[in-house]
Amino acid sequence: MEIIGTPEQFFSHYFVANYCPLCFLEASGRNRTPDRLPAGDRAPLFAACDCALRRTIECLNPRFVVGVGRFDADRVAASAAKLPVTTGAAPHPSPANPAANRGWERAFTDALAALGIAPV
């Protein structure tokens, strides 16, 4: 995104973490997102990932935690419950997201602005 500048500029102000740093592939090679795993597999995975995210938030003590995509936003809200941090959502740039191909950058910056986050 042009508004962020260089990676050095971006990462001097922001931290990016992956809610679930694991990759699940279907037999076809297609990515399977954690929310599409069987229910019996999701519960223990989400518990571990929620705990790791909550600990990350506690260690970094950010003002904002933004989930990129609805799934991540829901997990951020669950993980950060009762922590003194503002949580929110921004659209995911995935091709599976129809908005990603129609003005995604604007939608993303608008979502951040609605939370009170201005690009640096």
PDB file of N, CA and C in Angstrom:
ATOM      1  N   MET A   1       0.840  -1.160   0.000  1.00  0.00           N
ATOM      2  CA  MET A   1       0.000   0.000   0.000  1.00  0.00           C
ATOM      3  C   MET A   1       0.895   1.236   0.000  1.00  0.00           C
ATOM      4  N   GLU A   2       0.610   2.124  -0.846  1.00  0.00           N
ATOM      5  CA  GLU A   2       1.414   3.332  -0.979  1.00  0.00           C
ATOM      6  C   GLU A   2       1.388   4.205   0.271  1.00  0.00           C
ATOM      7  N   ILE A   3       0.283   4.209   0.993  1.00  0.00           N
ATOM      8  CA  ILE A   3       0.168   5.110   2.143  1.00  0.00           C
ATOM      9  C   ILE A   3       1.084   4.709   3.296  1.00  0.00           C
ATOM     10  N   ILE A   4       1.586   3.496   3.297  1.00  0.00           N
ATOM     11  CA  ILE A   4       2.395   3.013   4.415  1.00  0.00           C
ATOM     12  C   ILE A   4       3.872   3.373   4.239  1.00  0.00           C
ATOM     13  N   GLY A   5       4.310   3.520   3.026  1.00  0.00           N
ATOM     14  CA  GLY A   5       5.720   3.803   2.786  1.00  0.00           C
ATOM     15  C   GLY A   5       6.533   2.526   2.710  1.00  0.00           C
ATOM     16  N   THR A   6       7.760   2.611   3.167  1.00  0.00           N
ATOM     17  CA  THR A   6       8.669   1.465   3.090  1.00  0.00           C
ATOM     18  C   THR A   6       8.365   0.470   4.205  1.00  0.00           C
ATOM     19  N   PRO A   7       8.838  -0.761   4.060  1.00  0.00           N
ATOM     20  CA  PRO A   7       8.678  -1.718   5.164  1.00  0.00           C
ATOM     21  C   PRO A   7       9.292  -1.192   6.467  1.00  0.00           C
ATOM     22  N   GLU A   8      10.421  -0.524   6.371  1.00  0.00           N
ATOM     23  CA  GLU A   8      11.062   0.024   7.573  1.00  0.00           C
ATOM     24  C   GLU A   8      10.155   1.046   8.254  1.00  0.00           C
ATOM     25  N   GLN A   9       9.509   1.903   7.463  1.00  0.00           N
ATOM     26  CA  GLN A   9       8.583   2.889   8.036  1.00  0.00           C
ATOM     27  C   GLN A   9       7.389   2.197   8.687  1.00  0.00           C
ATOM     28  N   PHE A  10       6.829   1.239   7.991  1.00  0.00           N
ATOM     29  CA  PHE A  10       5.664   0.522   8.510  1.00  0.00           C
ATOM     30  C   PHE A  10       5.995  -0.173   9.829  1.00  0.00           C
ATOM     31  N   PHE A  11       7.060  -0.992   9.825  1.00  0.00           N
ATOM     32  CA  PHE A  11       7.359  -1.798  11.002  1.00  0.00           C
ATOM     33  C   PHE A  11       7.965  -1.004  12.155  1.00  0.00           C
ATOM     34  N   SER A  12       8.270   0.260  11.938  1.00  0.00           N
ATOM     35  CA  SER A  12       8.704   1.085  13.063  1.00  0.00           C
ATOM     36  C   SER A  12       7.494   1.533  13.900  1.00  0.00           C
ATOM     37  N   HIS A  13       6.280   1.336  13.371  1.00  0.00           N
ATOM     38  CA  HIS A  13       5.057   1.738  14.071  1.00  0.00           C
ATOM     39  C   HIS A  13       4.075   0.594  14.315  1.00  0.00           C
ATOM     40  N   TYR A  14       4.161  -0.463  13.513  1.00  0.00           N
ATOM     41  CA  TYR A  14       3.172  -1.533  13.569  1.00  0.00           C
ATOM     42  C   TYR A  14       3.836  -2.889  13.740  1.00  0.00           C
ATOM     43  N   PHE A  15       3.070  -3.824  14.306  1.00  0.00           N
ATOM     44  CA  PHE A  15       3.508  -5.211  14.463  1.00  0.00           C
ATOM     45  C   PHE A  15       2.457  -6.083  13.800  1.00  0.00           C
ATOM     46  N   VAL A  16       2.883  -7.088  13.079  1.00  0.00           N
ATOM     47  CA  VAL A  16       1.968  -8.001  12.402  1.00  0.00           C
ATOM     48  C   VAL A  16       2.199  -9.401  12.948  1.00  0.00           C
ATOM     49  N   ALA A  17       1.132 -10.043  13.359  1.00  0.00           N
ATOM     50  CA  ALA A  17       1.202 -11.421  13.847  1.00  0.00           C
ATOM     51  C   ALA A  17       0.138 -12.236  13.131  1.00  0.00           C
ATOM     52  N   ASN A  18       0.435 -13.477  12.908  1.00  0.00           N
ATOM     53  CA  ASN A  18      -0.517 -14.389  12.295  1.00  0.00           C
ATOM     54  C   ASN A  18      -1.254 -15.109  13.415  1.00  0.00           C
ATOM     55  N   TYR A  19      -2.576 -15.050  13.409  1.00  0.00           N
ATOM     56  CA  TYR A  19      -3.362 -15.719  14.449  1.00  0.00           C
ATOM     57  C   TYR A  19      -3.014 -17.198  14.528  1.00  0.00           C
ATOM     58  N   CYS A  20      -2.969 -17.852  13.401  1.00  0.00           N
ATOM     59  CA  CYS A  20      -2.635 -19.276  13.355  1.00  0.00           C
ATOM     60  C   CYS A  20      -1.479 -19.442  12.377  1.00  0.00           C
ATOM     61  N   PRO A  21      -0.261 -19.618  12.887  1.00  0.00           N
ATOM     62  CA  PRO A  21       0.904 -19.682  12.001  1.00  0.00           C
ATOM     63  C   PRO A  21       1.099 -21.049  11.345  1.00  0.00           C
ATOM     64  N   LEU A  22       0.056 -21.841  11.290  1.00  0.00           N
ATOM     65  CA  LEU A  22       0.129 -23.152  10.651  1.00  0.00           C
ATOM     66  C   LEU A  22      -0.559 -23.104   9.288  1.00  0.00           C
ATOM     67  N   CYS A  23      -0.157 -23.994   8.419  1.00  0.00           N
ATOM     68  CA  CYS A  23      -0.747 -24.071   7.083  1.00  0.00           C
ATOM     69  C   CYS A  23      -1.437 -25.423   6.942  1.00  0.00           C
ATOM     70  N   PHE A  24      -2.698 -25.406   6.567  1.00  0.00           N
ATOM     71  CA  PHE A  24      -3.460 -26.631   6.354  1.00  0.00           C
ATOM     72  C   PHE A  24      -3.790 -26.714   4.872  1.00  0.00           C
ATOM     73  N   LEU A  25      -3.408 -27.809   4.244  1.00  0.00           N
ATOM     74  CA  LEU A  25      -3.646 -27.979   2.812  1.00  0.00           C
ATOM     75  C   LEU A  25      -4.581 -29.154   2.569  1.00  0.00           C
ATOM     76  N   GLU A  26      -5.471 -28.967   1.620  1.00  0.00           N
ATOM     77  CA  GLU A  26      -6.342 -30.051   1.193  1.00  0.00           C
ATOM     78  C   GLU A  26      -5.569 -30.939   0.225  1.00  0.00           C
ATOM     79  N   ALA A  27      -6.086 -32.085  -0.116  1.00  0.00           N
ATOM     80  CA  ALA A  27      -5.412 -33.011  -1.021  1.00  0.00           C
ATOM     81  C   ALA A  27      -5.105 -32.354  -2.364  1.00  0.00           C
ATOM     82  N   SER A  28      -5.936 -31.402  -2.763  1.00  0.00           N
ATOM     83  CA  SER A  28      -5.739 -30.710  -4.040  1.00  0.00           C
ATOM     84  C   SER A  28      -4.610 -29.679  -3.972  1.00  0.00           C
ATOM     85  N   GLY A  29      -4.131 -29.380  -2.754  1.00  0.00           N
ATOM     86  CA  GLY A  29      -3.124 -28.341  -2.579  1.00  0.00           C
ATOM     87  C   GLY A  29      -3.740 -26.995  -2.203  1.00  0.00           C
ATOM     88  N   ARG A  30      -5.041 -26.937  -2.199  1.00  0.00           N
ATOM     89  CA  ARG A  30      -5.737 -25.703  -1.824  1.00  0.00           C
ATOM     90  C   ARG A  30      -5.578 -25.447  -0.321  1.00  0.00           C
ATOM     91  N   ASN A  31      -5.425 -24.177   0.033  1.00  0.00           N
ATOM     92  CA  ASN A  31      -5.312 -23.776   1.428  1.00  0.00           C
ATOM     93  C   ASN A  31      -6.650 -23.990   2.139  1.00  0.00           C
ATOM     94  N   ARG A  32      -6.594 -24.605   3.300  1.00  0.00           N
ATOM     95  CA  ARG A  32      -7.798 -24.743   4.123  1.00  0.00           C
ATOM     96  C   ARG A  32      -7.621 -23.837   5.330  1.00  0.00           C
ATOM     97  N   THR A  33      -8.492 -22.853   5.473  1.00  0.00           N
ATOM     98  CA  THR A  33      -8.385 -21.918   6.579  1.00  0.00           C
ATOM     99  C   THR A  33      -8.835 -22.609   7.873  1.00  0.00           C
ATOM    100  N   PRO A  34      -8.287 -22.183   9.011  1.00  0.00           N
ATOM    101  CA  PRO A  34      -8.617 -22.850  10.279  1.00  0.00           C
ATOM    102  C   PRO A  34     -10.113 -22.927  10.571  1.00  0.00           C
ATOM    103  N   ASP A  35     -10.891 -21.935  10.136  1.00  0.00           N
ATOM    104  CA  ASP A  35     -12.329 -21.964  10.394  1.00  0.00           C
ATOM    105  C   ASP A  35     -13.040 -23.057   9.608  1.00  0.00           C
ATOM    106  N   ARG A  36     -12.369 -23.674   8.651  1.00  0.00           N
ATOM    107  CA  ARG A  36     -12.974 -24.738   7.850  1.00  0.00           C
ATOM    108  C   ARG A  36     -12.488 -26.127   8.271  1.00  0.00           C
ATOM    109  N   LEU A  37     -11.729 -26.198   9.347  1.00  0.00           N
ATOM    110  CA  LEU A  37     -11.315 -27.485   9.887  1.00  0.00           C
ATOM    111  C   LEU A  37     -12.499 -28.158  10.574  1.00  0.00           C
ATOM    112  N   PRO A  38     -12.454 -29.482  10.717  1.00  0.00           N
ATOM    113  CA  PRO A  38     -13.531 -30.157  11.457  1.00  0.00           C
ATOM    114  C   PRO A  38     -13.643 -29.590  12.878  1.00  0.00           C
ATOM    115  N   ALA A  39     -14.862 -29.540  13.382  1.00  0.00           N
ATOM    116  CA  ALA A  39     -15.123 -28.920  14.688  1.00  0.00           C
ATOM    117  C   ALA A  39     -14.234 -29.499  15.782  1.00  0.00           C
ATOM    118  N   GLY A  40     -14.007 -30.792  15.778  1.00  0.00           N
ATOM    119  CA  GLY A  40     -13.175 -31.417  16.809  1.00  0.00           C
ATOM    120  C   GLY A  40     -11.729 -30.961  16.760  1.00  0.00           C
ATOM    121  N   ASP A  41     -11.264 -30.544  15.591  1.00  0.00           N
ATOM    122  CA  ASP A  41      -9.901 -30.042  15.448  1.00  0.00           C
ATOM    123  C   ASP A  41      -9.816 -28.551  15.740  1.00  0.00           C
ATOM    124  N   ARG A  42     -10.905 -27.829  15.463  1.00  0.00           N
ATOM    125  CA  ARG A  42     -10.913 -26.376  15.646  1.00  0.00           C
ATOM    126  C   ARG A  42     -10.792 -25.969  17.104  1.00  0.00           C
ATOM    127  N   ALA A  43     -11.555 -26.599  17.970  1.00  0.00           N
ATOM    128  CA  ALA A  43     -11.617 -26.166  19.373  1.00  0.00           C
ATOM    129  C   ALA A  43     -10.240 -26.133  20.035  1.00  0.00           C
ATOM    130  N   PRO A  44      -9.461 -27.211  19.992  1.00  0.00           N
ATOM    131  CA  PRO A  44      -8.149 -27.136  20.654  1.00  0.00           C
ATOM    132  C   PRO A  44      -7.181 -26.193  19.931  1.00  0.00           C
ATOM    133  N   LEU A  45      -7.287 -26.110  18.622  1.00  0.00           N
ATOM    134  CA  LEU A  45      -6.430 -25.189  17.868  1.00  0.00           C
ATOM    135  C   LEU A  45      -6.750 -23.747  18.231  1.00  0.00           C
ATOM    136  N   PHE A  46      -8.035 -23.398  18.241  1.00  0.00           N
ATOM    137  CA  PHE A  46      -8.434 -22.027  18.579  1.00  0.00           C
ATOM    138  C   PHE A  46      -8.042 -21.694  20.019  1.00  0.00           C
ATOM    139  N   ALA A  47      -8.172 -22.648  20.933  1.00  0.00           N
ATOM    140  CA  ALA A  47      -7.788 -22.391  22.323  1.00  0.00           C
ATOM    141  C   ALA A  47      -6.307 -22.042  22.413  1.00  0.00           C
ATOM    142  N   ALA A  48      -5.463 -22.792  21.714  1.00  0.00           N
ATOM    143  CA  ALA A  48      -4.019 -22.522  21.737  1.00  0.00           C
ATOM    144  C   ALA A  48      -3.694 -21.199  21.055  1.00  0.00           C
ATOM    145  N   CYS A  49      -4.320 -20.933  19.910  1.00  0.00           N
ATOM    146  CA  CYS A  49      -4.054 -19.688  19.179  1.00  0.00           C
ATOM    147  C   CYS A  49      -4.597 -18.474  19.922  1.00  0.00           C
ATOM    148  N   ASP A  50      -5.774 -18.607  20.547  1.00  0.00           N
ATOM    149  CA  ASP A  50      -6.330 -17.509  21.349  1.00  0.00           C
ATOM    150  C   ASP A  50      -5.384 -17.175  22.502  1.00  0.00           C
ATOM    151  N   CYS A  51      -4.869 -18.204  23.158  1.00  0.00           N
ATOM    152  CA  CYS A  51      -3.952 -18.001  24.280  1.00  0.00           C
ATOM    153  C   CYS A  51      -2.676 -17.304  23.807  1.00  0.00           C
ATOM    154  N   ALA A  52      -2.126 -17.760  22.693  1.00  0.00           N
ATOM    155  CA  ALA A  52      -0.893 -17.154  22.166  1.00  0.00           C
ATOM    156  C   ALA A  52      -1.129 -15.692  21.779  1.00  0.00           C
ATOM    157  N   LEU A  53      -2.266 -15.402  21.158  1.00  0.00           N
ATOM    158  CA  LEU A  53      -2.563 -14.023  20.779  1.00  0.00           C
ATOM    159  C   LEU A  53      -2.767 -13.155  22.021  1.00  0.00           C
ATOM    160  N   ARG A  54      -3.491 -13.673  22.995  1.00  0.00           N
ATOM    161  CA  ARG A  54      -3.713 -12.921  24.230  1.00  0.00           C
ATOM    162  C   ARG A  54      -2.371 -12.604  24.913  1.00  0.00           C
ATOM    163  N   ARG A  55      -1.478 -13.562  24.954  1.00  0.00           N
ATOM    164  CA  ARG A  55      -0.158 -13.333  25.565  1.00  0.00           C
ATOM    165  C   ARG A  55       0.657 -12.322  24.761  1.00  0.00           C
ATOM    166  N   THR A  56       0.540 -12.374  23.438  1.00  0.00           N
ATOM    167  CA  THR A  56       1.224 -11.393  22.592  1.00  0.00           C
ATOM    168  C   THR A  56       0.714  -9.994  22.891  1.00  0.00           C
ATOM    169  N   ILE A  57      -0.597  -9.861  23.006  1.00  0.00           N
ATOM    170  CA  ILE A  57      -1.199  -8.560  23.316  1.00  0.00           C
ATOM    171  C   ILE A  57      -0.733  -8.082  24.692  1.00  0.00           C
ATOM    172  N   GLU A  58      -0.727  -8.972  25.660  1.00  0.00           N
ATOM    173  CA  GLU A  58      -0.288  -8.595  27.005  1.00  0.00           C
ATOM    174  C   GLU A  58       1.175  -8.149  27.009  1.00  0.00           C
ATOM    175  N   CYS A  59       2.019  -8.828  26.254  1.00  0.00           N
ATOM    176  CA  CYS A  59       3.452  -8.482  26.214  1.00  0.00           C
ATOM    177  C   CYS A  59       3.704  -7.165  25.485  1.00  0.00           C
ATOM    178  N   LEU A  60       3.015  -6.944  24.378  1.00  0.00           N
ATOM    179  CA  LEU A  60       3.263  -5.754  23.565  1.00  0.00           C
ATOM    180  C   LEU A  60       2.489  -4.530  24.035  1.00  0.00           C
ATOM    181  N   ASN A  61       1.380  -4.765  24.731  1.00  0.00           N
ATOM    182  CA  ASN A  61       0.553  -3.683  25.249  1.00  0.00           C
ATOM    183  C   ASN A  61       0.199  -2.638  24.182  1.00  0.00           C
ATOM    184  N   PRO A  62      -0.382  -3.085  23.053  1.00  0.00           N
ATOM    185  CA  PRO A  62      -0.741  -2.122  22.002  1.00  0.00           C
ATOM    186  C   PRO A  62      -2.006  -1.351  22.361  1.00  0.00           C
ATOM    187  N   ARG A  63      -2.227  -0.260  21.659  1.00  0.00           N
ATOM    188  CA  ARG A  63      -3.483   0.477  21.812  1.00  0.00           C
ATOM    189  C   ARG A  63      -4.586  -0.156  20.979  1.00  0.00           C
ATOM    190  N   PHE A  64      -4.215  -0.714  19.825  1.00  0.00           N
ATOM    191  CA  PHE A  64      -5.182  -1.301  18.897  1.00  0.00           C
ATOM    192  C   PHE A  64      -4.721  -2.692  18.477  1.00  0.00           C
ATOM    193  N   VAL A  65      -5.687  -3.576  18.256  1.00  0.00           N
ATOM    194  CA  VAL A  65      -5.426  -4.872  17.626  1.00  0.00           C
ATOM    195  C   VAL A  65      -6.498  -5.031  16.558  1.00  0.00           C
ATOM    196  N   VAL A  66      -6.060  -5.177  15.320  1.00  0.00           N
ATOM    197  CA  VAL A  66      -6.983  -5.231  14.189  1.00  0.00           C
ATOM    198  C   VAL A  66      -6.889  -6.592  13.520  1.00  0.00           C
ATOM    199  N   GLY A  67      -8.010  -7.259  13.417  1.00  0.00           N
ATOM    200  CA  GLY A  67      -8.075  -8.514  12.672  1.00  0.00           C
ATOM    201  C   GLY A  67      -8.299  -8.194  11.207  1.00  0.00           C
ATOM    202  N   VAL A  68      -7.474  -8.781  10.358  1.00  0.00           N
ATOM    203  CA  VAL A  68      -7.617  -8.568   8.915  1.00  0.00           C
ATOM    204  C   VAL A  68      -8.486  -9.705   8.383  1.00  0.00           C
ATOM    205  N   GLY A  69      -9.727  -9.358   8.105  1.00  0.00           N
ATOM    206  CA  GLY A  69     -10.730 -10.344   7.702  1.00  0.00           C
ATOM    207  C   GLY A  69     -11.656 -10.646   8.866  1.00  0.00           C
ATOM    208  N   ARG A  70     -12.858 -11.088   8.570  1.00  0.00           N
ATOM    209  CA  ARG A  70     -13.870 -11.351   9.595  1.00  0.00           C
ATOM    210  C   ARG A  70     -13.421 -12.439  10.570  1.00  0.00           C
ATOM    211  N   PHE A  71     -12.838 -13.525  10.063  1.00  0.00           N
ATOM    212  CA  PHE A  71     -12.382 -14.606  10.944  1.00  0.00           C
ATOM    213  C   PHE A  71     -11.385 -14.075  11.965  1.00  0.00           C
ATOM    214  N   ASP A  72     -10.354 -13.382  11.489  1.00  0.00           N
ATOM    215  CA  ASP A  72      -9.342 -12.848  12.401  1.00  0.00           C
ATOM    216  C   ASP A  72      -9.938 -11.829  13.365  1.00  0.00           C
ATOM    217  N   ALA A  73     -10.823 -10.990  12.891  1.00  0.00           N
ATOM    218  CA  ALA A  73     -11.450  -9.997  13.768  1.00  0.00           C
ATOM    219  C   ALA A  73     -12.226 -10.683  14.896  1.00  0.00           C
ATOM    220  N   ASP A  74     -12.921 -11.769  14.573  1.00  0.00           N
ATOM    221  CA  ASP A  74     -13.653 -12.517  15.599  1.00  0.00           C
ATOM    222  C   ASP A  74     -12.696 -13.139  16.611  1.00  0.00           C
ATOM    223  N   ARG A  75     -11.573 -13.689  16.127  1.00  0.00           N
ATOM    224  CA  ARG A  75     -10.592 -14.301  17.032  1.00  0.00           C
ATOM    225  C   ARG A  75      -9.901 -13.236  17.878  1.00  0.00           C
ATOM    226  N   VAL A  76      -9.624 -12.069  17.292  1.00  0.00           N
ATOM    227  CA  VAL A  76      -9.033 -10.957  18.058  1.00  0.00           C
ATOM    228  C   VAL A  76      -9.980 -10.559  19.184  1.00  0.00           C
ATOM    229  N   ALA A  77     -11.255 -10.406  18.867  1.00  0.00           N
ATOM    230  CA  ALA A  77     -12.233 -10.009  19.882  1.00  0.00           C
ATOM    231  C   ALA A  77     -12.289 -11.034  21.011  1.00  0.00           C
ATOM    232  N   ALA A  78     -12.284 -12.308  20.671  1.00  0.00           N
ATOM    233  CA  ALA A  78     -12.329 -13.357  21.695  1.00  0.00           C
ATOM    234  C   ALA A  78     -11.043 -13.366  22.528  1.00  0.00           C
ATOM    235  N   SER A  79      -9.910 -13.222  21.867  1.00  0.00           N
ATOM    236  CA  SER A  79      -8.619 -13.290  22.555  1.00  0.00           C
ATOM    237  C   SER A  79      -8.366 -12.079  23.432  1.00  0.00           C
ATOM    238  N   ALA A  80      -8.830 -10.924  23.010  1.00  0.00           N
ATOM    239  CA  ALA A  80      -8.548  -9.674  23.722  1.00  0.00           C
ATOM    240  C   ALA A  80      -9.651  -9.282  24.696  1.00  0.00           C
ATOM    241  N   ALA A  81     -10.662 -10.123  24.837  1.00  0.00           N
ATOM    242  CA  ALA A  81     -11.740  -9.809  25.775  1.00  0.00           C
ATOM    243  C   ALA A  81     -11.144  -9.528  27.149  1.00  0.00           C
ATOM    244  N   LYS A  82     -11.596  -8.480  27.778  1.00  0.00           N
ATOM    245  CA  LYS A  82     -11.180  -8.042  29.114  1.00  0.00           C
ATOM    246  C   LYS A  82      -9.777  -7.439  29.150  1.00  0.00           C
ATOM    247  N   LEU A  83      -9.134  -7.264  27.996  1.00  0.00           N
ATOM    248  CA  LEU A  83      -7.839  -6.580  27.966  1.00  0.00           C
ATOM    249  C   LEU A  83      -8.069  -5.115  27.602  1.00  0.00           C
ATOM    250  N   PRO A  84      -7.228  -4.219  28.093  1.00  0.00           N
ATOM    251  CA  PRO A  84      -7.418  -2.785  27.807  1.00  0.00           C
ATOM    252  C   PRO A  84      -6.871  -2.400  26.429  1.00  0.00           C
ATOM    253  N   VAL A  85      -7.561  -2.852  25.400  1.00  0.00           N
ATOM    254  CA  VAL A  85      -7.127  -2.599  24.037  1.00  0.00           C
ATOM    255  C   VAL A  85      -8.367  -2.435  23.152  1.00  0.00           C
ATOM    256  N   THR A  86      -8.259  -1.564  22.170  1.00  0.00           N
ATOM    257  CA  THR A  86      -9.341  -1.388  21.199  1.00  0.00           C
ATOM    258  C   THR A  86      -9.155  -2.412  20.092  1.00  0.00           C
ATOM    259  N   THR A  87     -10.197  -3.159  19.799  1.00  0.00           N
ATOM    260  CA  THR A  87     -10.124  -4.162  18.734  1.00  0.00           C
ATOM    261  C   THR A  87     -11.039  -3.760  17.586  1.00  0.00           C
ATOM    262  N   GLY A  88     -10.747  -4.290  16.424  1.00  0.00           N
ATOM    263  CA  GLY A  88     -11.566  -3.993  15.261  1.00  0.00           C
ATOM    264  C   GLY A  88     -11.240  -4.898  14.102  1.00  0.00           C
ATOM    265  N   ALA A  89     -11.829  -4.582  12.964  1.00  0.00           N
ATOM    266  CA  ALA A  89     -11.679  -5.393  11.759  1.00  0.00           C
ATOM    267  C   ALA A  89     -11.310  -4.527  10.573  1.00  0.00           C
ATOM    268  N   ALA A  90     -10.566  -5.115   9.676  1.00  0.00           N
ATOM    269  CA  ALA A  90     -10.265  -4.507   8.382  1.00  0.00           C
ATOM    270  C   ALA A  90     -10.444  -5.602   7.336  1.00  0.00           C
ATOM    271  N   PRO A  91     -10.805  -5.245   6.117  1.00  0.00           N
ATOM    272  CA  PRO A  91     -11.046  -6.273   5.097  1.00  0.00           C
ATOM    273  C   PRO A  91      -9.766  -6.998   4.699  1.00  0.00           C
ATOM    274  N   HIS A  92      -9.921  -8.268   4.396  1.00  0.00           N
ATOM    275  CA  HIS A  92      -8.802  -9.111   3.956  1.00  0.00           C
ATOM    276  C   HIS A  92      -8.621  -8.948   2.448  1.00  0.00           C
ATOM    277  N   PRO A  93      -7.374  -8.938   1.974  1.00  0.00           N
ATOM    278  CA  PRO A  93      -7.150  -8.768   0.530  1.00  0.00           C
ATOM    279  C   PRO A  93      -7.283 -10.048  -0.283  1.00  0.00           C
ATOM    280  N   SER A  94      -7.789 -11.110   0.291  1.00  0.00           N
ATOM    281  CA  SER A  94      -7.907 -12.393  -0.400  1.00  0.00           C
ATOM    282  C   SER A  94      -8.789 -12.288  -1.642  1.00  0.00           C
ATOM    283  N   PRO A  95      -8.430 -13.003  -2.705  1.00  0.00           N
ATOM    284  CA  PRO A  95      -9.314 -13.053  -3.878  1.00  0.00           C
ATOM    285  C   PRO A  95     -10.690 -13.641  -3.546  1.00  0.00           C
ATOM    286  N   ALA A  96     -10.796 -14.367  -2.432  1.00  0.00           N
ATOM    287  CA  ALA A  96     -12.096 -14.900  -2.008  1.00  0.00           C
ATOM    288  C   ALA A  96     -13.005 -13.803  -1.467  1.00  0.00           C
ATOM    289  N   ASN A  97     -12.431 -12.640  -1.191  1.00  0.00           N
ATOM    290  CA  ASN A  97     -13.200 -11.504  -0.707  1.00  0.00           C
ATOM    291  C   ASN A  97     -13.548 -10.618  -1.900  1.00  0.00           C
ATOM    292  N   PRO A  98     -14.828 -10.521  -2.268  1.00  0.00           N
ATOM    293  CA  PRO A  98     -15.199  -9.720  -3.442  1.00  0.00           C
ATOM    294  C   PRO A  98     -14.716  -8.273  -3.369  1.00  0.00           C
ATOM    295  N   ALA A  99     -14.670  -7.703  -2.176  1.00  0.00           N
ATOM    296  CA  ALA A  99     -14.223  -6.316  -2.030  1.00  0.00           C
ATOM    297  C   ALA A  99     -12.725  -6.165  -2.283  1.00  0.00           C
ATOM    298  N   ALA A 100     -11.996  -7.282  -2.218  1.00  0.00           N
ATOM    299  CA  ALA A 100     -10.538  -7.208  -2.393  1.00  0.00           C
ATOM    300  C   ALA A 100     -10.164  -6.767  -3.808  1.00  0.00           C
ATOM    301  N   ASN A 101     -11.039  -6.998  -4.738  1.00  0.00           N
ATOM    302  CA  ASN A 101     -10.743  -6.635  -6.121  1.00  0.00           C
ATOM    303  C   ASN A 101     -11.384  -5.312  -6.526  1.00  0.00           C
ATOM    304  N   ARG A 102     -12.051  -4.651  -5.587  1.00  0.00           N
ATOM    305  CA  ARG A 102     -12.724  -3.383  -5.879  1.00  0.00           C
ATOM    306  C   ARG A 102     -12.413  -2.367  -4.793  1.00  0.00           C
ATOM    307  N   GLY A 103     -11.299  -1.710  -4.892  1.00  0.00           N
ATOM    308  CA  GLY A 103     -10.979  -0.653  -3.949  1.00  0.00           C
ATOM    309  C   GLY A 103     -10.584  -1.139  -2.570  1.00  0.00           C
ATOM    310  N   TRP A 104      -9.867  -2.255  -2.512  1.00  0.00           N
ATOM    311  CA  TRP A 104      -9.493  -2.809  -1.215  1.00  0.00           C
ATOM    312  C   TRP A 104      -8.680  -1.820  -0.381  1.00  0.00           C
ATOM    313  N   GLU A 105      -7.700  -1.166  -0.981  1.00  0.00           N
ATOM    314  CA  GLU A 105      -6.848  -0.261  -0.214  1.00  0.00           C
ATOM    315  C   GLU A 105      -7.679   0.827   0.468  1.00  0.00           C
ATOM    316  N   ARG A 106      -8.624   1.373  -0.243  1.00  0.00           N
ATOM    317  CA  ARG A 106      -9.491   2.412   0.322  1.00  0.00           C
ATOM    318  C   ARG A 106     -10.348   1.841   1.450  1.00  0.00           C
ATOM    319  N   ALA A 107     -10.912   0.648   1.235  1.00  0.00           N
ATOM    320  CA  ALA A 107     -11.734   0.016   2.266  1.00  0.00           C
ATOM    321  C   ALA A 107     -10.897  -0.279   3.517  1.00  0.00           C
ATOM    322  N   PHE A 108      -9.662  -0.683   3.314  1.00  0.00           N
ATOM    323  CA  PHE A 108      -8.775  -0.982   4.429  1.00  0.00           C
ATOM    324  C   PHE A 108      -8.462   0.288   5.229  1.00  0.00           C
ATOM    325  N   THR A 109      -8.067   1.340   4.535  1.00  0.00           N
ATOM    326  CA  THR A 109      -7.744   2.588   5.237  1.00  0.00           C
ATOM    327  C   THR A 109      -8.982   3.192   5.893  1.00  0.00           C
ATOM    328  N   ASP A 110     -10.150   3.032   5.285  1.00  0.00           N
ATOM    329  CA  ASP A 110     -11.386   3.512   5.898  1.00  0.00           C
ATOM    330  C   ASP A 110     -11.683   2.748   7.190  1.00  0.00           C
ATOM    331  N   ALA A 111     -11.453   1.435   7.178  1.00  0.00           N
ATOM    332  CA  ALA A 111     -11.682   0.626   8.368  1.00  0.00           C
ATOM    333  C   ALA A 111     -10.746   1.049   9.506  1.00  0.00           C
ATOM    334  N   LEU A 112      -9.486   1.317   9.162  1.00  0.00           N
ATOM    335  CA  LEU A 112      -8.546   1.778  10.185  1.00  0.00           C
ATOM    336  C   LEU A 112      -8.946   3.150  10.706  1.00  0.00           C
ATOM    337  N   ALA A 113      -9.343   4.043   9.810  1.00  0.00           N
ATOM    338  CA  ALA A 113      -9.754   5.387  10.216  1.00  0.00           C
ATOM    339  C   ALA A 113     -10.965   5.318  11.161  1.00  0.00           C
ATOM    340  N   ALA A 114     -11.885   4.394  10.903  1.00  0.00           N
ATOM    341  CA  ALA A 114     -13.062   4.248  11.759  1.00  0.00           C
ATOM    342  C   ALA A 114     -12.671   3.837  13.177  1.00  0.00           C
ATOM    343  N   LEU A 115     -11.519   3.188  13.309  1.00  0.00           N
ATOM    344  CA  LEU A 115     -11.028   2.809  14.641  1.00  0.00           C
ATOM    345  C   LEU A 115     -10.182   3.917  15.279  1.00  0.00           C
ATOM    346  N   GLY A 116      -9.870   4.932  14.490  1.00  0.00           N
ATOM    347  CA  GLY A 116      -9.029   6.008  15.001  1.00  0.00           C
ATOM    348  C   GLY A 116      -7.556   5.816  14.711  1.00  0.00           C
ATOM    349  N   ILE A 117      -7.276   4.928  13.756  1.00  0.00           N
ATOM    350  CA  ILE A 117      -5.885   4.655  13.372  1.00  0.00           C
ATOM    351  C   ILE A 117      -5.594   5.392  12.075  1.00  0.00           C
ATOM    352  N   ALA A 118      -4.607   6.266  12.128  1.00  0.00           N
ATOM    353  CA  ALA A 118      -4.209   6.996  10.931  1.00  0.00           C
ATOM    354  C   ALA A 118      -2.871   6.452  10.454  1.00  0.00           C
ATOM    355  N   PRO A 119      -2.694   6.322   9.136  1.00  0.00           N
ATOM    356  CA  PRO A 119      -1.393   5.858   8.643  1.00  0.00           C
ATOM    357  C   PRO A 119      -0.296   6.846   9.024  1.00  0.00           C
ATOM    358  N   VAL A 120       0.885   6.301   9.238  1.00  0.00           N
ATOM    359  CA  VAL A 120       2.009   7.168   9.612  1.00  0.00           C
ATOM    360  C   VAL A 120       2.729   7.674   8.382  1.00  0.00           C
TER     361      VAL A 120
END
